[in-house]
Amino acid sequence: MNTAQISTDGTHQIVIIPEDFKMSGTKVYIKKVGGAIVLIAKDAPWQSLFDSLEQFSDDFMTTREQPPLDVRETF
């Protein structure tokens, strides 16, 4: 796992991101998820989702079991 260096400038923390993790643009969205901090390129916020779709195997959810449909009265 790679590491990044953290510095402090007054009340701000600065994270030095390694070159392999270089992001496009000049701004990012930032979100804290539990103990992790997620940075998402502001100029392409959906790109990480699109890239992740290619990582599913061909048999992903082929044996997914659906519950029976609820029988509901009509309006």
N, C-alpha and C. Protein backbone atom coordinates (compact mmCIF):
# COMPACT_ATOMS: atom_id res chain seq x y z
N MET A 1 0.85 -1.17 0.00
CA MET A 1 0.00 0.00 0.00
C MET A 1 0.90 1.23 0.00
N ASN A 2 0.53 2.20 -0.80
CA ASN A 2 1.28 3.45 -0.86
C ASN A 2 0.94 4.34 0.33
N THR A 3 1.81 5.29 0.59
CA THR A 3 1.57 6.24 1.67
C THR A 3 1.69 7.66 1.13
N ALA A 4 1.11 8.59 1.85
CA ALA A 4 1.21 10.01 1.52
C ALA A 4 1.69 10.74 2.76
N GLN A 5 2.34 11.85 2.55
CA GLN A 5 2.85 12.65 3.66
C GLN A 5 1.83 13.71 4.04
N ILE A 6 1.67 13.93 5.34
CA ILE A 6 0.75 14.95 5.85
C ILE A 6 1.55 16.05 6.53
N SER A 7 1.27 17.30 6.17
CA SER A 7 1.89 18.46 6.81
C SER A 7 0.79 19.33 7.39
N THR A 8 1.15 20.23 8.28
CA THR A 8 0.19 21.16 8.86
C THR A 8 0.60 22.58 8.53
N ASP A 9 -0.38 23.39 8.11
CA ASP A 9 -0.16 24.80 7.80
C ASP A 9 -1.22 25.59 8.56
N GLY A 10 -0.88 26.05 9.74
CA GLY A 10 -1.87 26.73 10.57
C GLY A 10 -2.92 25.75 11.02
N THR A 11 -4.17 25.98 10.63
CA THR A 11 -5.26 25.08 11.02
C THR A 11 -5.61 24.08 9.92
N HIS A 12 -4.86 24.09 8.82
CA HIS A 12 -5.13 23.19 7.70
C HIS A 12 -4.12 22.05 7.66
N GLN A 13 -4.57 20.90 7.19
CA GLN A 13 -3.65 19.80 6.92
C GLN A 13 -3.45 19.74 5.42
N ILE A 14 -2.23 19.43 5.02
CA ILE A 14 -1.89 19.32 3.60
C ILE A 14 -1.41 17.89 3.36
N VAL A 15 -2.00 17.23 2.38
CA VAL A 15 -1.60 15.87 2.03
C VAL A 15 -0.81 15.93 0.73
N ILE A 16 0.40 15.42 0.76
CA ILE A 16 1.24 15.35 -0.44
C ILE A 16 0.94 14.01 -1.11
N ILE A 17 0.28 14.07 -2.25
CA ILE A 17 -0.14 12.85 -2.95
C ILE A 17 0.97 12.40 -3.90
N PRO A 18 1.33 11.11 -3.87
CA PRO A 18 2.37 10.61 -4.78
C PRO A 18 1.98 10.82 -6.25
N GLU A 19 2.97 10.93 -7.11
CA GLU A 19 2.75 11.19 -8.53
C GLU A 19 1.85 10.14 -9.18
N ASP A 20 1.94 8.88 -8.73
CA ASP A 20 1.10 7.81 -9.30
C ASP A 20 -0.39 8.07 -9.08
N PHE A 21 -0.73 8.94 -8.15
CA PHE A 21 -2.12 9.23 -7.81
C PHE A 21 -2.55 10.61 -8.30
N LYS A 22 -1.80 11.17 -9.22
CA LYS A 22 -2.08 12.52 -9.72
C LYS A 22 -3.52 12.59 -10.26
N MET A 23 -4.22 13.65 -9.89
CA MET A 23 -5.61 13.83 -10.30
C MET A 23 -5.70 14.97 -11.30
N SER A 24 -6.72 14.91 -12.15
CA SER A 24 -6.94 15.97 -13.13
C SER A 24 -7.63 17.15 -12.46
N GLY A 25 -7.54 18.30 -13.08
CA GLY A 25 -8.23 19.49 -12.58
C GLY A 25 -7.51 20.14 -11.42
N THR A 26 -8.17 21.14 -10.83
CA THR A 26 -7.57 21.89 -9.72
C THR A 26 -8.39 21.77 -8.44
N LYS A 27 -9.56 21.12 -8.50
CA LYS A 27 -10.40 20.95 -7.32
C LYS A 27 -10.91 19.52 -7.26
N VAL A 28 -11.20 19.07 -6.03
CA VAL A 28 -11.75 17.74 -5.82
C VAL A 28 -12.92 17.83 -4.85
N TYR A 29 -13.82 16.85 -4.94
CA TYR A 29 -14.82 16.67 -3.90
C TYR A 29 -14.14 15.85 -2.81
N ILE A 30 -14.46 16.11 -1.55
CA ILE A 30 -13.86 15.37 -0.44
C ILE A 30 -14.98 14.88 0.46
N LYS A 31 -14.85 13.62 0.91
CA LYS A 31 -15.87 13.03 1.78
C LYS A 31 -15.17 12.12 2.78
N LYS A 32 -15.61 12.20 4.01
CA LYS A 32 -15.08 11.31 5.04
C LYS A 32 -16.04 10.13 5.17
N VAL A 33 -15.50 8.92 5.05
CA VAL A 33 -16.29 7.69 5.17
C VAL A 33 -15.64 6.86 6.27
N GLY A 34 -16.22 6.88 7.45
CA GLY A 34 -15.59 6.18 8.58
C GLY A 34 -14.23 6.80 8.86
N GLY A 35 -13.19 5.97 8.82
CA GLY A 35 -11.83 6.45 9.05
C GLY A 35 -11.09 6.78 7.78
N ALA A 36 -11.79 6.79 6.64
CA ALA A 36 -11.15 7.05 5.34
C ALA A 36 -11.59 8.41 4.80
N ILE A 37 -10.72 9.01 4.00
CA ILE A 37 -11.05 10.24 3.30
C ILE A 37 -11.01 9.93 1.81
N VAL A 38 -12.10 10.24 1.11
CA VAL A 38 -12.21 9.95 -0.31
C VAL A 38 -12.13 11.26 -1.09
N LEU A 39 -11.25 11.30 -2.09
CA LEU A 39 -11.14 12.46 -2.99
C LEU A 39 -11.66 12.05 -4.36
N ILE A 40 -12.53 12.87 -4.95
CA ILE A 40 -13.10 12.58 -6.26
C ILE A 40 -12.86 13.79 -7.14
N ALA A 41 -12.29 13.57 -8.32
CA ALA A 41 -12.00 14.67 -9.24
C ALA A 41 -13.29 15.42 -9.55
N LYS A 42 -13.28 16.73 -9.36
CA LYS A 42 -14.48 17.54 -9.56
C LYS A 42 -14.86 17.62 -11.03
N ASP A 43 -13.88 17.53 -11.92
CA ASP A 43 -14.18 17.64 -13.35
C ASP A 43 -14.68 16.33 -13.95
N ALA A 44 -14.64 15.22 -13.21
CA ALA A 44 -15.14 13.93 -13.71
C ALA A 44 -15.63 13.09 -12.53
N PRO A 45 -16.66 13.53 -11.81
CA PRO A 45 -17.04 12.85 -10.58
C PRO A 45 -17.57 11.43 -10.76
N TRP A 46 -18.09 11.10 -11.93
CA TRP A 46 -18.65 9.76 -12.16
C TRP A 46 -17.63 8.79 -12.74
N GLN A 47 -16.44 9.26 -13.10
CA GLN A 47 -15.47 8.42 -13.79
C GLN A 47 -15.06 7.20 -12.96
N SER A 48 -14.90 7.36 -11.66
CA SER A 48 -14.50 6.21 -10.83
C SER A 48 -15.57 5.13 -10.84
N LEU A 49 -16.84 5.52 -10.90
CA LEU A 49 -17.91 4.53 -11.00
C LEU A 49 -17.82 3.79 -12.33
N PHE A 50 -17.69 4.53 -13.43
CA PHE A 50 -17.60 3.89 -14.74
C PHE A 50 -16.39 2.95 -14.81
N ASP A 51 -15.26 3.36 -14.26
CA ASP A 51 -14.06 2.52 -14.26
C ASP A 51 -14.27 1.26 -13.44
N SER A 52 -15.02 1.34 -12.35
CA SER A 52 -15.21 0.18 -11.48
C SER A 52 -16.12 -0.87 -12.12
N LEU A 53 -16.98 -0.48 -13.04
CA LEU A 53 -17.88 -1.44 -13.68
C LEU A 53 -17.12 -2.53 -14.43
N GLU A 54 -15.95 -2.21 -14.94
CA GLU A 54 -15.14 -3.18 -15.68
C GLU A 54 -14.49 -4.20 -14.75
N GLN A 55 -14.53 -4.00 -13.46
CA GLN A 55 -13.87 -4.90 -12.52
C GLN A 55 -14.76 -6.05 -12.07
N PHE A 56 -16.03 -6.05 -12.44
CA PHE A 56 -16.91 -7.16 -12.10
C PHE A 56 -16.64 -8.34 -13.03
N SER A 57 -16.70 -9.55 -12.48
CA SER A 57 -16.51 -10.74 -13.31
C SER A 57 -17.76 -10.97 -14.16
N ASP A 58 -17.60 -11.76 -15.23
CA ASP A 58 -18.72 -12.02 -16.14
C ASP A 58 -19.87 -12.75 -15.44
N ASP A 59 -19.55 -13.53 -14.41
CA ASP A 59 -20.60 -14.29 -13.72
C ASP A 59 -21.17 -13.56 -12.50
N PHE A 60 -20.88 -12.27 -12.39
CA PHE A 60 -21.38 -11.51 -11.25
C PHE A 60 -22.90 -11.54 -11.22
N MET A 61 -23.44 -12.00 -10.13
CA MET A 61 -24.88 -12.07 -9.86
C MET A 61 -25.68 -12.92 -10.85
N THR A 62 -25.04 -13.90 -11.49
CA THR A 62 -25.80 -14.77 -12.39
C THR A 62 -26.72 -15.70 -11.60
N THR A 63 -26.37 -15.98 -10.36
CA THR A 63 -27.21 -16.86 -9.54
C THR A 63 -27.96 -16.08 -8.47
N ARG A 64 -28.22 -14.84 -8.75
CA ARG A 64 -28.93 -14.00 -7.78
C ARG A 64 -30.33 -14.54 -7.56
N GLU A 65 -30.69 -14.73 -6.31
CA GLU A 65 -32.01 -15.25 -5.98
C GLU A 65 -32.94 -14.10 -5.63
N GLN A 66 -34.00 -13.99 -6.38
CA GLN A 66 -34.99 -12.94 -6.16
C GLN A 66 -36.06 -13.45 -5.21
N PRO A 67 -36.52 -12.64 -4.28
CA PRO A 67 -37.65 -13.05 -3.44
C PRO A 67 -38.93 -13.08 -4.28
N PRO A 68 -39.93 -13.82 -3.83
CA PRO A 68 -41.19 -13.83 -4.60
C PRO A 68 -41.81 -12.44 -4.64
N LEU A 69 -42.53 -12.16 -5.71
CA LEU A 69 -43.19 -10.86 -5.85
C LEU A 69 -44.33 -10.74 -4.85
N ASP A 70 -44.47 -9.57 -4.28
CA ASP A 70 -45.58 -9.32 -3.38
C ASP A 70 -46.87 -9.20 -4.20
N VAL A 71 -47.93 -9.77 -3.68
CA VAL A 71 -49.23 -9.61 -4.31
C VAL A 71 -49.91 -8.44 -3.61
N ARG A 72 -50.19 -7.40 -4.37
CA ARG A 72 -50.79 -6.20 -3.80
C ARG A 72 -52.11 -5.90 -4.48
N GLU A 73 -52.99 -5.27 -3.73
CA GLU A 73 -54.26 -4.89 -4.33
C GLU A 73 -54.04 -3.70 -5.26
N THR A 74 -54.82 -3.64 -6.31
CA THR A 74 -54.70 -2.55 -7.26
C THR A 74 -55.44 -1.32 -6.75
N PHE A 75 -55.05 -0.18 -7.28
CA PHE A 75 -55.71 1.07 -6.88
C PHE A 75 -57.05 1.19 -7.52
